[in-house]
Amino acid sequence: MERGESLGMALAMVLILEGLLPLLAPQQWRRMFTQLLQLRDGQLRFCGLLCIAAGAITLFWL
């Protein structure tokens, strides 16, 4: 499998996973999104940093 093909498949999986919650539980998704809008920039950056770290660790582990 080529590198570009792997990247495309990974991006497709992200889109699938991102779409599951609004599809299956739209009210909970809307409530979570509203709560995210209440966070300060620093809190959002920290959440982003945690997601990046978790993704990097998972890639390294696999």
PDB file of N, CA and C in Angstrom:
ATOM      1  N   MET A   1       0.852  -1.177   0.000  1.00  0.00           N
ATOM      2  CA  MET A   1       0.000   0.000   0.000  1.00  0.00           C
ATOM      3  C   MET A   1       0.897   1.239   0.000  1.00  0.00           C
ATOM      4  N   GLU A   2       0.588   2.179  -0.872  1.00  0.00           N
ATOM      5  CA  GLU A   2       1.367   3.404  -0.964  1.00  0.00           C
ATOM      6  C   GLU A   2       1.079   4.344   0.184  1.00  0.00           C
ATOM      7  N   ARG A   3       2.015   5.248   0.432  1.00  0.00           N
ATOM      8  CA  ARG A   3       1.863   6.218   1.521  1.00  0.00           C
ATOM      9  C   ARG A   3       0.640   7.100   1.311  1.00  0.00           C
ATOM     10  N   GLY A   4       0.431   7.581   0.104  1.00  0.00           N
ATOM     11  CA  GLY A   4      -0.719   8.438  -0.184  1.00  0.00           C
ATOM     12  C   GLY A   4      -2.040   7.706  -0.012  1.00  0.00           C
ATOM     13  N   GLU A   5      -2.038   6.438  -0.380  1.00  0.00           N
ATOM     14  CA  GLU A   5      -3.243   5.631  -0.222  1.00  0.00           C
ATOM     15  C   GLU A   5      -3.565   5.425   1.257  1.00  0.00           C
ATOM     16  N   SER A   6      -2.534   5.191   2.054  1.00  0.00           N
ATOM     17  CA  SER A   6      -2.719   5.025   3.497  1.00  0.00           C
ATOM     18  C   SER A   6      -3.243   6.309   4.126  1.00  0.00           C
ATOM     19  N   LEU A   7      -2.687   7.436   3.702  1.00  0.00           N
ATOM     20  CA  LEU A   7      -3.139   8.722   4.235  1.00  0.00           C
ATOM     21  C   LEU A   7      -4.592   8.974   3.863  1.00  0.00           C
ATOM     22  N   GLY A   8      -4.958   8.659   2.635  1.00  0.00           N
ATOM     23  CA  GLY A   8      -6.342   8.824   2.206  1.00  0.00           C
ATOM     24  C   GLY A   8      -7.292   7.942   3.005  1.00  0.00           C
ATOM     25  N   MET A   9      -6.883   6.710   3.254  1.00  0.00           N
ATOM     26  CA  MET A   9      -7.720   5.811   4.042  1.00  0.00           C
ATOM     27  C   MET A   9      -7.854   6.314   5.478  1.00  0.00           C
ATOM     28  N   ALA A  10      -6.765   6.841   6.037  1.00  0.00           N
ATOM     29  CA  ALA A  10      -6.813   7.369   7.401  1.00  0.00           C
ATOM     30  C   ALA A  10      -7.756   8.569   7.480  1.00  0.00           C
ATOM     31  N   LEU A  11      -7.687   9.459   6.506  1.00  0.00           N
ATOM     32  CA  LEU A  11      -8.576  10.620   6.490  1.00  0.00           C
ATOM     33  C   LEU A  11     -10.034  10.189   6.320  1.00  0.00           C
ATOM     34  N   ALA A  12     -10.260   9.177   5.493  1.00  0.00           N
ATOM     35  CA  ALA A  12     -11.617   8.669   5.327  1.00  0.00           C
ATOM     36  C   ALA A  12     -12.152   8.106   6.638  1.00  0.00           C
ATOM     37  N   MET A  13     -11.322   7.389   7.380  1.00  0.00           N
ATOM     38  CA  MET A  13     -11.742   6.837   8.670  1.00  0.00           C
ATOM     39  C   MET A  13     -12.059   7.956   9.662  1.00  0.00           C
ATOM     40  N   VAL A  14     -11.275   9.019   9.653  1.00  0.00           N
ATOM     41  CA  VAL A  14     -11.552  10.159  10.530  1.00  0.00           C
ATOM     42  C   VAL A  14     -12.921  10.744  10.207  1.00  0.00           C
ATOM     43  N   LEU A  15     -13.212  10.911   8.926  1.00  0.00           N
ATOM     44  CA  LEU A  15     -14.510  11.460   8.534  1.00  0.00           C
ATOM     45  C   LEU A  15     -15.651  10.546   8.957  1.00  0.00           C
ATOM     46  N   ILE A  16     -15.463   9.249   8.812  1.00  0.00           N
ATOM     47  CA  ILE A  16     -16.496   8.297   9.234  1.00  0.00           C
ATOM     48  C   ILE A  16     -16.723   8.406  10.732  1.00  0.00           C
ATOM     49  N   LEU A  17     -15.643   8.407  11.503  1.00  0.00           N
ATOM     50  CA  LEU A  17     -15.770   8.484  12.964  1.00  0.00           C
ATOM     51  C   LEU A  17     -16.378   9.812  13.407  1.00  0.00           C
ATOM     52  N   GLU A  18     -15.987  10.899  12.746  1.00  0.00           N
ATOM     53  CA  GLU A  18     -16.533  12.214  13.088  1.00  0.00           C
ATOM     54  C   GLU A  18     -18.029  12.300  12.783  1.00  0.00           C
ATOM     55  N   GLY A  19     -18.480  11.563  11.790  1.00  0.00           N
ATOM     56  CA  GLY A  19     -19.880  11.624  11.417  1.00  0.00           C
ATOM     57  C   GLY A  19     -20.797  10.720  12.222  1.00  0.00           C
ATOM     58  N   LEU A  20     -20.227   9.786  12.975  1.00  0.00           N
ATOM     59  CA  LEU A  20     -21.057   8.843  13.714  1.00  0.00           C
ATOM     60  C   LEU A  20     -21.909   9.500  14.795  1.00  0.00           C
ATOM     61  N   LEU A  21     -21.319  10.371  15.594  1.00  0.00           N
ATOM     62  CA  LEU A  21     -22.064  10.961  16.701  1.00  0.00           C
ATOM     63  C   LEU A  21     -23.225  11.835  16.224  1.00  0.00           C
ATOM     64  N   PRO A  22     -23.010  12.752  15.259  1.00  0.00           N
ATOM     65  CA  PRO A  22     -24.174  13.518  14.796  1.00  0.00           C
ATOM     66  C   PRO A  22     -25.243  12.644  14.145  1.00  0.00           C
ATOM     67  N   LEU A  23     -24.851  11.530  13.532  1.00  0.00           N
ATOM     68  CA  LEU A  23     -25.821  10.640  12.922  1.00  0.00           C
ATOM     69  C   LEU A  23     -26.630   9.881  13.969  1.00  0.00           C
ATOM     70  N   LEU A  24     -25.936   9.344  14.975  1.00  0.00           N
ATOM     71  CA  LEU A  24     -26.593   8.470  15.938  1.00  0.00           C
ATOM     72  C   LEU A  24     -27.216   9.218  17.122  1.00  0.00           C
ATOM     73  N   ALA A  25     -26.635  10.356  17.500  1.00  0.00           N
ATOM     74  CA  ALA A  25     -27.131  11.085  18.675  1.00  0.00           C
ATOM     75  C   ALA A  25     -27.012  12.596  18.441  1.00  0.00           C
ATOM     76  N   PRO A  26     -27.842  13.147  17.574  1.00  0.00           N
ATOM     77  CA  PRO A  26     -27.697  14.565  17.227  1.00  0.00           C
ATOM     78  C   PRO A  26     -27.895  15.528  18.398  1.00  0.00           C
ATOM     79  N   GLN A  27     -28.800  15.205  19.317  1.00  0.00           N
ATOM     80  CA  GLN A  27     -29.022  16.123  20.447  1.00  0.00           C
ATOM     81  C   GLN A  27     -27.804  16.165  21.363  1.00  0.00           C
ATOM     82  N   GLN A  28     -27.202  15.018  21.646  1.00  0.00           N
ATOM     83  CA  GLN A  28     -26.012  14.980  22.489  1.00  0.00           C
ATOM     84  C   GLN A  28     -24.839  15.661  21.793  1.00  0.00           C
ATOM     85  N   TRP A  29     -24.730  15.472  20.479  1.00  0.00           N
ATOM     86  CA  TRP A  29     -23.668  16.107  19.716  1.00  0.00           C
ATOM     87  C   TRP A  29     -23.809  17.625  19.771  1.00  0.00           C
ATOM     88  N   ARG A  30     -25.039  18.115  19.597  1.00  0.00           N
ATOM     89  CA  ARG A  30     -25.288  19.558  19.640  1.00  0.00           C
ATOM     90  C   ARG A  30     -24.952  20.118  21.021  1.00  0.00           C
ATOM     91  N   ARG A  31     -25.324  19.387  22.088  1.00  0.00           N
ATOM     92  CA  ARG A  31     -25.024  19.832  23.449  1.00  0.00           C
ATOM     93  C   ARG A  31     -23.506  19.869  23.686  1.00  0.00           C
ATOM     94  N   MET A  32     -22.801  18.839  23.205  1.00  0.00           N
ATOM     95  CA  MET A  32     -21.349  18.801  23.363  1.00  0.00           C
ATOM     96  C   MET A  32     -20.692  19.945  22.584  1.00  0.00           C
ATOM     97  N   PHE A  33     -21.181  20.194  21.373  1.00  0.00           N
ATOM     98  CA  PHE A  33     -20.632  21.264  20.554  1.00  0.00           C
ATOM     99  C   PHE A  33     -20.857  22.619  21.219  1.00  0.00           C
ATOM    100  N   THR A  34     -22.030  22.828  21.798  1.00  0.00           N
ATOM    101  CA  THR A  34     -22.327  24.066  22.513  1.00  0.00           C
ATOM    102  C   THR A  34     -21.397  24.238  23.708  1.00  0.00           C
ATOM    103  N   GLN A  35     -21.113  23.151  24.413  1.00  0.00           N
ATOM    104  CA  GLN A  35     -20.188  23.218  25.549  1.00  0.00           C
ATOM    105  C   GLN A  35     -18.779  23.529  25.077  1.00  0.00           C
ATOM    106  N   LEU A  36     -18.381  23.003  23.923  1.00  0.00           N
ATOM    107  CA  LEU A  36     -17.056  23.310  23.381  1.00  0.00           C
ATOM    108  C   LEU A  36     -16.918  24.800  23.071  1.00  0.00           C
ATOM    109  N   LEU A  37     -18.006  25.412  22.606  1.00  0.00           N
ATOM    110  CA  LEU A  37     -17.967  26.844  22.300  1.00  0.00           C
ATOM    111  C   LEU A  37     -17.754  27.697  23.551  1.00  0.00           C
ATOM    112  N   GLN A  38     -18.073  27.150  24.722  1.00  0.00           N
ATOM    113  CA  GLN A  38     -17.917  27.880  25.976  1.00  0.00           C
ATOM    114  C   GLN A  38     -16.471  27.870  26.481  1.00  0.00           C
ATOM    115  N   LEU A  39     -15.629  26.969  25.964  1.00  0.00           N
ATOM    116  CA  LEU A  39     -14.250  26.848  26.450  1.00  0.00           C
ATOM    117  C   LEU A  39     -13.399  28.025  25.989  1.00  0.00           C
ATOM    118  N   ARG A  40     -12.425  28.362  26.810  1.00  0.00           N
ATOM    119  CA  ARG A  40     -11.471  29.411  26.438  1.00  0.00           C
ATOM    120  C   ARG A  40     -10.472  28.841  25.423  1.00  0.00           C
ATOM    121  N   ASP A  41      -9.757  29.737  24.741  1.00  0.00           N
ATOM    122  CA  ASP A  41      -8.796  29.319  23.722  1.00  0.00           C
ATOM    123  C   ASP A  41      -7.741  28.371  24.294  1.00  0.00           C
ATOM    124  N   GLY A  42      -7.240  28.675  25.476  1.00  0.00           N
ATOM    125  CA  GLY A  42      -6.219  27.835  26.088  1.00  0.00           C
ATOM    126  C   GLY A  42      -6.722  26.422  26.361  1.00  0.00           C
ATOM    127  N   GLN A  43      -7.985  26.316  26.766  1.00  0.00           N
ATOM    128  CA  GLN A  43      -8.563  25.006  27.031  1.00  0.00           C
ATOM    129  C   GLN A  43      -8.718  24.209  25.728  1.00  0.00           C
ATOM    130  N   LEU A  44      -9.132  24.891  24.661  1.00  0.00           N
ATOM    131  CA  LEU A  44      -9.253  24.218  23.372  1.00  0.00           C
ATOM    132  C   LEU A  44      -7.889  23.780  22.851  1.00  0.00           C
ATOM    133  N   ARG A  45      -6.900  24.629  23.035  1.00  0.00           N
ATOM    134  CA  ARG A  45      -5.541  24.265  22.600  1.00  0.00           C
ATOM    135  C   ARG A  45      -5.039  23.044  23.361  1.00  0.00           C
ATOM    136  N   PHE A  46      -5.322  22.988  24.658  1.00  0.00           N
ATOM    137  CA  PHE A  46      -4.899  21.841  25.457  1.00  0.00           C
ATOM    138  C   PHE A  46      -5.593  20.568  24.971  1.00  0.00           C
ATOM    139  N   CYS A  47      -6.887  20.656  24.657  1.00  0.00           N
ATOM    140  CA  CYS A  47      -7.611  19.498  24.109  1.00  0.00           C
ATOM    141  C   CYS A  47      -6.992  19.069  22.784  1.00  0.00           C
ATOM    142  N   GLY A  48      -6.649  20.039  21.952  1.00  0.00           N
ATOM    143  CA  GLY A  48      -5.995  19.726  20.680  1.00  0.00           C
ATOM    144  C   GLY A  48      -4.649  19.057  20.887  1.00  0.00           C
ATOM    145  N   LEU A  49      -3.894  19.551  21.858  1.00  0.00           N
ATOM    146  CA  LEU A  49      -2.599  18.955  22.173  1.00  0.00           C
ATOM    147  C   LEU A  49      -2.759  17.515  22.645  1.00  0.00           C
ATOM    148  N   LEU A  50      -3.756  17.265  23.489  1.00  0.00           N
ATOM    149  CA  LEU A  50      -4.010  15.897  23.951  1.00  0.00           C
ATOM    150  C   LEU A  50      -4.374  14.970  22.792  1.00  0.00           C
ATOM    151  N   CYS A  51      -5.184  15.464  21.863  1.00  0.00           N
ATOM    152  CA  CYS A  51      -5.564  14.650  20.704  1.00  0.00           C
ATOM    153  C   CYS A  51      -4.344  14.340  19.834  1.00  0.00           C
ATOM    154  N   ILE A  52      -3.510  15.331  19.608  1.00  0.00           N
ATOM    155  CA  ILE A  52      -2.299  15.117  18.816  1.00  0.00           C
ATOM    156  C   ILE A  52      -1.383  14.113  19.499  1.00  0.00           C
ATOM    157  N   ALA A  53      -1.198  14.264  20.812  1.00  0.00           N
ATOM    158  CA  ALA A  53      -0.339  13.344  21.555  1.00  0.00           C
ATOM    159  C   ALA A  53      -0.893  11.927  21.519  1.00  0.00           C
ATOM    160  N   ALA A  54      -2.201  11.783  21.702  1.00  0.00           N
ATOM    161  CA  ALA A  54      -2.814  10.451  21.660  1.00  0.00           C
ATOM    162  C   ALA A  54      -2.654   9.827  20.282  1.00  0.00           C
ATOM    163  N   GLY A  55      -2.833  10.603  19.244  1.00  0.00           N
ATOM    164  CA  GLY A  55      -2.654  10.100  17.880  1.00  0.00           C
ATOM    165  C   GLY A  55      -1.222   9.705  17.591  1.00  0.00           C
ATOM    166  N   ALA A  56      -0.276  10.528  18.035  1.00  0.00           N
ATOM    167  CA  ALA A  56       1.145  10.214  17.814  1.00  0.00           C
ATOM    168  C   ALA A  56       1.562   8.961  18.558  1.00  0.00           C
ATOM    169  N   ILE A  57       1.093   8.828  19.803  1.00  0.00           N
ATOM    170  CA  ILE A  57       1.417   7.631  20.592  1.00  0.00           C
ATOM    171  C   ILE A  57       0.810   6.386  19.946  1.00  0.00           C
ATOM    172  N   THR A  58      -0.430   6.518  19.455  1.00  0.00           N
ATOM    173  CA  THR A  58      -1.077   5.381  18.795  1.00  0.00           C
ATOM    174  C   THR A  58      -0.318   4.992  17.532  1.00  0.00           C
ATOM    175  N   LEU A  59       0.080   5.969  16.726  1.00  0.00           N
ATOM    176  CA  LEU A  59       0.847   5.665  15.522  1.00  0.00           C
ATOM    177  C   LEU A  59       2.173   4.994  15.868  1.00  0.00           C
ATOM    178  N   PHE A  60       2.836   5.498  16.878  1.00  0.00           N
ATOM    179  CA  PHE A  60       4.116   4.912  17.294  1.00  0.00           C
ATOM    180  C   PHE A  60       3.914   3.483  17.786  1.00  0.00           C
ATOM    181  N   TRP A  61       2.824   3.254  18.519  1.00  0.00           N
ATOM    182  CA  TRP A  61       2.549   1.947  19.087  1.00  0.00           C
ATOM    183  C   TRP A  61       2.227   0.929  17.992  1.00  0.00           C
ATOM    184  N   LEU A  62       1.475   1.370  16.986  1.00  0.00           N
ATOM    185  CA  LEU A  62       1.086   0.456  15.901  1.00  0.00           C
ATOM    186  C   LEU A  62       2.263   0.228  14.971  1.00  0.00           C
TER     187      LEU A  62
END
